[in-house]
Amino acid sequence: MKTRKLGSLTVSALGLGCMGMSEFYGQRDDVESTATIHRALELGVTLLDTADMYGPYINEELVGRAIEGKRDRVVLATKCGIVRDPTDPKKRGVNGTARYIRESCEASLKRLRVDVIDLYQLHRVDPATPIEESAAALGDLVKAGKVRAVGLSEASSKTLRRAHAIHPIASVQTEYSLWTRDPEDDVLATCQELGIGFLAYSPLGRGFLTGTIKHTTDLAPGDFRHGSPRFQGDNFEKNLAIVATVEGIAKDLGLTASQLAIAWVMAQKDFVVPIPGTKRRKYLEENCAAANVTLEPADLARLAAAFPKDSAAGLRYPEWNMPFVNR
């Protein structure tokens, strides 16, 4: 597996998003999820990405158990900042205060069973807390030896600059794929200018770009995508037609749709690291093969014509959630 840089960290060119192992995408299978993490390490994947709100909490515990005895092979990334109501986990809040960040880090260290977190990220920017306070708190964790590097998630270029002026930011994590191109507006350019890495979550369009979702009935009951605008009504049908074109291009290149989608993300900038999520080894192996794919300029041009920016139908999150992204 080739490597890329996230600030001072060297990571595998492709990471593994662990969120869906514990929540949001149907039933859990901790045995298969653990085997998937172990297989990822065998394939040279070093970057594992989790967060305290996944579960909540149980995903960090799962990852912590899975990497016991293998810590030296892992670049461990987790996040804090999204607060869930203990009586109703569907209710969310955002907290970026210094006290909350310190307390969350201590709790994550215990759940992950480690002494230090390689990349500690603020999951969402808190509109009620100056980003300077959050960045300083993250920096204090580095000084204390509890964290090696820090990152932000869904931060705008302006916010990223303000935070980086307080403490070096190693990475910014934002949704990026053929059907979500927001980072191209200015965030990628800012990352390149400041030497900040970029973690692309949902590079497979929450599974839509795999070509395996043909009907909403393909989604398990309780799957959060039932509430996603891009998976509903006319939006679903319009997006399905675009994905069919991508599938055709992938077939011509001898790839799966998933591999083409991941390879496209990797081809955008050499500091972009996609972190497709899966809880199954067979999909992990398929995704990892994309790290060895080199798309030619003609291939990229063909994709650009088939899937131009802003061609996906529907918001990427429900309307109530949109104010918390690109902040």
Protein backbone atom coordinates (compact mmCIF):
# COMPACT_ATOMS: atom_id res chain seq x y z
CA MET A 1 0.00 0.00 0.00
CA LYS A 2 1.34 3.40 -0.95
CA THR A 3 1.40 6.17 1.63
CA ARG A 4 0.33 9.79 1.82
CA LYS A 5 0.85 12.62 4.30
CA LEU A 6 -1.62 14.20 6.71
CA GLY A 7 0.48 17.01 8.09
CA SER A 8 3.23 15.28 10.08
CA LEU A 9 1.53 11.88 9.91
CA THR A 10 2.31 9.27 7.27
CA VAL A 11 -0.70 7.08 6.53
CA SER A 12 -1.79 4.48 3.99
CA ALA A 13 -3.09 6.06 0.80
CA LEU A 14 -6.48 4.53 1.64
CA GLY A 15 -7.96 4.41 5.11
CA LEU A 16 -10.83 2.49 6.68
CA GLY A 17 -13.89 4.27 8.01
CA CYS A 18 -15.27 2.26 10.92
CA MET A 19 -18.56 4.08 11.58
CA GLY A 20 -20.85 1.63 9.82
CA MET A 21 -19.53 -1.27 11.87
CA SER A 22 -21.55 -0.13 14.84
CA GLU A 23 -24.45 1.99 13.63
CA PHE A 24 -26.33 3.73 10.81
CA TYR A 25 -26.02 1.01 8.12
CA GLY A 26 -28.11 -1.87 9.41
CA GLN A 27 -27.27 -4.66 11.84
CA ARG A 28 -23.96 -4.93 13.66
CA ASP A 29 -21.65 -7.90 13.30
CA ASP A 30 -18.73 -7.34 15.64
CA VAL A 31 -17.03 -10.60 14.65
CA GLU A 32 -16.96 -9.76 10.94
CA SER A 33 -16.10 -6.12 11.68
CA THR A 34 -13.12 -7.18 13.77
CA ALA A 35 -12.01 -9.55 11.01
CA THR A 36 -12.36 -6.67 8.54
CA ILE A 37 -10.07 -4.46 10.64
CA HIS A 38 -7.51 -7.25 10.89
CA ARG A 39 -7.68 -7.87 7.14
CA ALA A 40 -7.21 -4.15 6.50
CA LEU A 41 -3.96 -4.22 8.46
CA GLU A 42 -2.83 -7.28 6.48
CA LEU A 43 -3.46 -5.38 3.24
CA GLY A 44 -1.35 -2.45 4.40
CA VAL A 45 -4.11 -0.12 5.54
CA THR A 46 -2.79 1.77 8.55
CA LEU A 47 -5.39 4.52 9.03
CA LEU A 48 -8.50 3.59 11.04
CA ASP A 49 -11.09 6.33 11.55
CA THR A 50 -13.72 6.28 14.28
CA ALA A 51 -15.51 8.76 16.59
CA ASP A 52 -17.01 8.82 20.05
CA MET A 53 -20.52 9.49 18.68
CA TYR A 54 -20.61 6.31 16.60
CA GLY A 55 -22.83 4.02 18.62
CA PRO A 56 -22.48 6.18 20.62
CA TYR A 57 -19.16 5.03 22.10
CA ILE A 58 -19.32 1.38 21.05
CA ASN A 59 -17.40 1.89 17.81
CA GLU A 60 -14.36 3.17 19.67
CA GLU A 61 -14.62 0.16 21.99
CA LEU A 62 -14.79 -2.19 19.00
CA VAL A 63 -11.74 -0.60 17.36
CA GLY A 64 -9.87 -0.64 20.67
CA ARG A 65 -10.43 -4.37 21.09
CA ALA A 66 -9.55 -5.08 17.46
CA ILE A 67 -6.16 -3.35 17.55
CA GLU A 68 -4.94 -4.83 20.83
CA GLY A 69 -1.49 -6.26 20.16
CA LYS A 70 -1.41 -4.46 16.80
CA ARG A 71 -1.13 -0.85 17.94
CA ASP A 72 2.22 -0.27 16.24
CA ARG A 73 0.61 -0.98 12.85
CA VAL A 74 -2.18 1.55 13.25
CA VAL A 75 -2.56 5.29 12.73
CA LEU A 76 -5.55 5.77 15.00
CA ALA A 77 -7.97 8.60 14.27
CA THR A 78 -11.01 9.51 16.30
CA LYS A 79 -13.25 12.52 16.80
CA CYS A 80 -15.21 14.49 19.36
CA GLY A 81 -17.64 17.37 19.10
CA ILE A 82 -21.01 15.85 18.24
CA VAL A 83 -23.01 15.32 21.42
CA ARG A 84 -25.90 12.88 21.52
CA ASP A 85 -28.75 12.93 24.00
CA PRO A 86 -28.42 9.84 26.27
CA THR A 87 -32.21 9.50 26.39
CA ASP A 88 -32.65 9.94 22.64
CA PRO A 89 -29.47 9.31 20.59
CA LYS A 90 -31.17 10.75 17.50
CA LYS A 91 -30.98 14.19 19.07
CA ARG A 92 -27.67 15.90 18.38
CA GLY A 93 -25.75 18.90 19.61
CA VAL A 94 -22.28 20.32 18.97
CA ASN A 95 -19.68 21.18 21.60
CA GLY A 96 -16.23 22.60 20.91
CA THR A 97 -15.37 24.02 24.31
CA ALA A 98 -11.94 23.38 25.80
CA ARG A 99 -13.34 21.51 28.79
CA TYR A 100 -15.46 19.24 26.63
CA ILE A 101 -12.57 18.45 24.30
CA ARG A 102 -10.28 17.54 27.22
CA GLU A 103 -12.89 15.31 28.86
CA SER A 104 -13.80 13.64 25.56
CA CYS A 105 -10.17 12.84 24.80
CA GLU A 106 -9.69 11.14 28.17
CA ALA A 107 -12.82 9.06 27.60
CA SER A 108 -11.74 8.07 24.08
CA LEU A 109 -8.30 7.00 25.29
CA LYS A 110 -9.95 4.61 27.74
CA ARG A 111 -12.40 3.18 25.22
CA LEU A 112 -9.66 2.72 22.63
CA ARG A 113 -7.33 1.19 25.25
CA VAL A 114 -4.39 3.34 24.15
CA ASP A 115 -2.06 5.91 25.71
CA VAL A 116 -2.06 8.28 22.74
CA ILE A 117 -4.36 9.05 19.80
CA ASP A 118 -2.57 9.66 16.52
CA LEU A 119 -5.13 12.04 15.00
CA TYR A 120 -7.75 13.72 17.19
CA GLN A 121 -10.39 15.64 15.27
CA LEU A 122 -13.16 18.08 16.06
CA HIS A 123 -16.14 16.39 14.44
CA ARG A 124 -18.12 19.58 13.82
CA VAL A 125 -17.32 23.25 14.35
CA ASP A 126 -19.25 24.62 17.33
CA PRO A 127 -21.01 27.86 16.31
CA ALA A 128 -21.15 28.93 19.97
CA THR A 129 -17.40 28.49 20.62
CA PRO A 130 -14.65 30.42 18.85
CA ILE A 131 -12.61 28.02 16.75
CA GLU A 132 -9.52 29.52 18.37
CA GLU A 133 -10.60 28.05 21.71
CA SER A 134 -11.18 24.64 20.19
CA ALA A 135 -7.86 24.68 18.33
CA ALA A 136 -5.97 25.72 21.44
CA ALA A 137 -7.56 22.89 23.41
CA LEU A 138 -6.59 20.39 20.74
CA GLY A 139 -3.07 21.79 20.75
CA ASP A 140 -2.86 21.41 24.52
CA LEU A 141 -3.59 17.70 24.10
CA VAL A 142 -0.59 17.44 21.78
CA LYS A 143 1.59 19.23 24.32
CA ALA A 144 0.36 16.84 27.02
CA GLY A 145 1.38 13.83 24.91
CA LYS A 146 -2.17 12.48 24.66
CA VAL A 147 -2.50 13.26 20.94
CA ARG A 148 0.06 13.30 18.12
CA ALA A 149 -1.78 15.50 15.62
CA VAL A 150 -5.11 17.27 15.35
CA GLY A 151 -7.73 17.78 12.67
CA LEU A 152 -11.08 19.34 11.89
CA SER A 153 -14.13 17.94 10.14
CA GLU A 154 -16.53 19.82 7.87
CA ALA A 155 -14.63 23.08 8.38
CA SER A 156 -14.69 25.92 5.85
CA SER A 157 -11.52 27.42 4.41
CA LYS A 158 -11.88 30.47 6.66
CA THR A 159 -12.30 28.34 9.79
CA LEU A 160 -9.39 26.15 8.78
CA ARG A 161 -7.11 29.16 8.46
CA ARG A 162 -8.14 30.54 11.86
CA ALA A 163 -7.55 27.20 13.57
CA HIS A 164 -4.23 26.58 11.83
CA ALA A 165 -2.98 29.97 13.06
CA ILE A 166 -3.45 28.75 16.65
CA HIS A 167 -2.09 25.21 16.28
CA PRO A 168 -0.97 23.24 13.19
CA ILE A 169 -3.88 21.33 11.70
CA ALA A 170 -2.84 18.00 10.19
CA SER A 171 -6.04 17.24 8.31
CA VAL A 172 -9.54 18.32 7.49
CA GLN A 173 -12.18 15.62 7.03
CA THR A 174 -15.11 16.34 4.76
CA GLU A 175 -17.41 14.37 2.50
CA TYR A 176 -15.88 14.17 -0.98
CA SER A 177 -16.82 12.01 -3.92
CA LEU A 178 -18.00 12.18 -7.50
CA TRP A 179 -21.37 13.36 -6.22
CA THR A 180 -20.20 15.66 -3.39
CA ARG A 181 -17.68 18.19 -4.61
CA ASP A 182 -17.95 20.98 -2.00
CA PRO A 183 -14.22 20.84 -1.07
CA GLU A 184 -13.32 21.90 -4.60
CA ASP A 185 -14.72 25.38 -3.93
CA ASP A 186 -11.78 26.42 -1.75
CA VAL A 187 -10.95 23.92 1.00
CA LEU A 188 -8.66 21.75 -1.13
CA ALA A 189 -6.74 24.81 -2.28
CA THR A 190 -6.34 25.95 1.31
CA CYS A 191 -5.10 22.53 2.35
CA GLN A 192 -2.54 22.56 -0.43
CA GLU A 193 -1.36 26.04 0.51
CA LEU A 194 -1.00 25.27 4.22
CA GLY A 195 0.33 21.71 3.93
CA ILE A 196 -2.78 20.15 5.44
CA GLY A 197 -3.97 16.68 4.49
CA PHE A 198 -7.53 15.92 3.46
CA LEU A 199 -9.59 12.93 4.60
CA ALA A 200 -12.40 12.17 2.17
CA TYR A 201 -15.25 10.44 3.95
CA SER A 202 -18.08 8.76 2.04
CA PRO A 203 -16.03 8.53 -1.20
CA LEU A 204 -18.61 6.01 -2.38
CA GLY A 205 -21.53 8.39 -1.94
CA ARG A 206 -22.81 6.49 1.10
CA GLY A 207 -22.85 3.36 -1.02
CA PHE A 208 -24.81 4.79 -3.93
CA LEU A 209 -21.74 4.93 -6.18
CA THR A 210 -21.13 1.20 -5.74
CA GLY A 211 -23.98 0.51 -8.14
CA THR A 212 -25.40 -2.11 -5.80
CA ILE A 213 -28.35 0.01 -4.60
CA LYS A 214 -31.07 -0.16 -7.24
CA HIS A 215 -34.15 0.33 -5.05
CA THR A 216 -34.75 1.88 -1.64
CA THR A 217 -35.80 -1.59 -0.54
CA ASP A 218 -32.13 -2.58 -0.88
CA LEU A 219 -31.53 -0.59 2.32
CA ALA A 220 -32.07 -2.37 5.62
CA PRO A 221 -34.83 -1.19 7.95
CA GLY A 222 -33.44 1.52 10.20
CA ASP A 223 -30.68 2.43 7.74
CA PHE A 224 -30.14 6.19 8.11
CA ARG A 225 -30.07 6.59 4.32
CA HIS A 226 -33.86 6.24 4.29
CA GLY A 227 -33.82 9.82 5.59
CA SER A 228 -31.17 11.08 3.17
CA PRO A 229 -32.53 13.42 0.46
CA ARG A 230 -30.42 11.81 -2.26
CA PHE A 231 -32.01 8.44 -1.57
CA GLN A 232 -35.60 9.68 -1.79
CA GLY A 233 -38.21 9.98 -4.54
CA ASP A 234 -37.22 11.67 -7.78
CA ASN A 235 -33.74 12.36 -6.43
CA PHE A 236 -33.13 8.63 -6.13
CA GLU A 237 -34.16 7.97 -9.72
CA LYS A 238 -32.08 10.86 -11.12
CA ASN A 239 -29.00 9.77 -9.20
CA LEU A 240 -29.53 6.17 -10.26
CA ALA A 241 -29.33 7.19 -13.91
CA ILE A 242 -26.01 9.00 -13.38
CA VAL A 243 -24.53 6.08 -11.48
CA ALA A 244 -25.49 3.74 -14.31
CA THR A 245 -23.25 5.79 -16.59
CA VAL A 246 -20.38 5.54 -14.12
CA GLU A 247 -20.91 1.78 -13.96
CA GLY A 248 -20.52 1.64 -17.72
CA ILE A 249 -17.22 3.54 -17.60
CA ALA A 250 -15.96 1.27 -14.83
CA LYS A 251 -16.80 -1.82 -16.87
CA ASP A 252 -14.88 -0.43 -19.84
CA LEU A 253 -11.82 0.03 -17.59
CA GLY A 254 -12.09 -3.42 -16.03
CA LEU A 255 -13.02 -1.98 -12.63
CA THR A 256 -15.97 -2.12 -10.31
CA ALA A 257 -17.95 1.08 -9.82
CA SER A 258 -16.57 1.29 -6.28
CA GLN A 259 -12.98 1.05 -7.46
CA LEU A 260 -13.53 3.75 -10.07
CA ALA A 261 -15.15 6.09 -7.54
CA ILE A 262 -12.30 5.66 -5.06
CA ALA A 263 -9.62 5.98 -7.74
CA TRP A 264 -11.24 9.22 -8.89
CA VAL A 265 -10.98 10.70 -5.37
CA MET A 266 -7.35 9.62 -5.06
CA ALA A 267 -6.53 11.18 -8.43
CA GLN A 268 -7.64 14.67 -7.39
CA LYS A 269 -4.72 15.61 -5.09
CA ASP A 270 -1.81 13.66 -3.63
CA PHE A 271 -2.72 14.79 -0.11
CA VAL A 272 -6.28 13.41 -0.34
CA VAL A 273 -6.86 10.14 1.54
CA PRO A 274 -10.25 8.47 1.01
CA ILE A 275 -11.64 6.52 3.96
CA PRO A 276 -14.39 4.30 2.56
CA GLY A 277 -16.30 2.53 5.28
CA THR A 278 -17.24 -1.12 5.30
CA LYS A 279 -17.87 -3.87 7.81
CA ARG A 280 -17.21 -6.74 5.40
CA ARG A 281 -13.90 -8.14 4.22
CA LYS A 282 -15.02 -8.72 0.64
CA TYR A 283 -15.83 -5.04 0.15
CA LEU A 284 -12.64 -4.00 1.94
CA GLU A 285 -10.56 -6.07 -0.47
CA GLU A 286 -12.40 -4.61 -3.45
CA ASN A 287 -11.85 -1.07 -2.16
CA CYS A 288 -8.16 -1.61 -1.40
CA ALA A 289 -7.53 -2.71 -4.98
CA ALA A 290 -8.47 0.83 -6.03
CA ALA A 291 -5.27 2.13 -4.42
CA ASN A 292 -3.33 0.57 -7.31
CA VAL A 293 -5.50 2.10 -10.04
CA THR A 294 -4.11 4.96 -12.12
CA LEU A 295 -6.71 6.85 -14.12
CA GLU A 296 -5.53 8.43 -17.35
CA PRO A 297 -6.47 12.02 -18.26
CA ALA A 298 -8.95 10.67 -20.80
CA ASP A 299 -10.63 8.57 -18.11
CA LEU A 300 -10.93 11.58 -15.81
CA ALA A 301 -12.33 13.70 -18.63
CA ARG A 302 -14.92 11.03 -19.41
CA LEU A 303 -15.98 10.94 -15.77
CA ALA A 304 -16.18 14.73 -15.62
CA ALA A 305 -18.54 14.70 -18.57
CA ALA A 306 -20.68 11.91 -17.13
CA PHE A 307 -20.81 13.26 -13.58
CA PRO A 308 -20.19 17.04 -13.61
CA LYS A 309 -20.02 18.99 -10.38
CA ASP A 310 -23.41 19.58 -8.72
CA SER A 311 -25.10 16.94 -10.88
CA ALA A 312 -26.27 14.86 -7.90
CA ALA A 313 -29.91 15.47 -7.06
CA GLY A 314 -30.76 16.43 -3.48
CA LEU A 315 -28.94 17.77 -0.44
CA ARG A 316 -26.21 15.57 1.01
CA TYR A 317 -27.78 15.76 4.48
CA PRO A 318 -31.34 16.45 5.64
CA GLU A 319 -32.02 20.20 5.67
CA TRP A 320 -31.81 20.46 9.46
CA ASN A 321 -28.25 19.08 9.37
CA MET A 322 -26.86 21.29 6.59
CA PRO A 323 -25.97 24.28 8.85
CA PHE A 324 -23.39 22.06 10.58
CA VAL A 325 -21.33 21.30 7.46
CA ASN A 326 -18.80 23.53 5.67
CA ARG A 327 -18.72 25.84 8.71
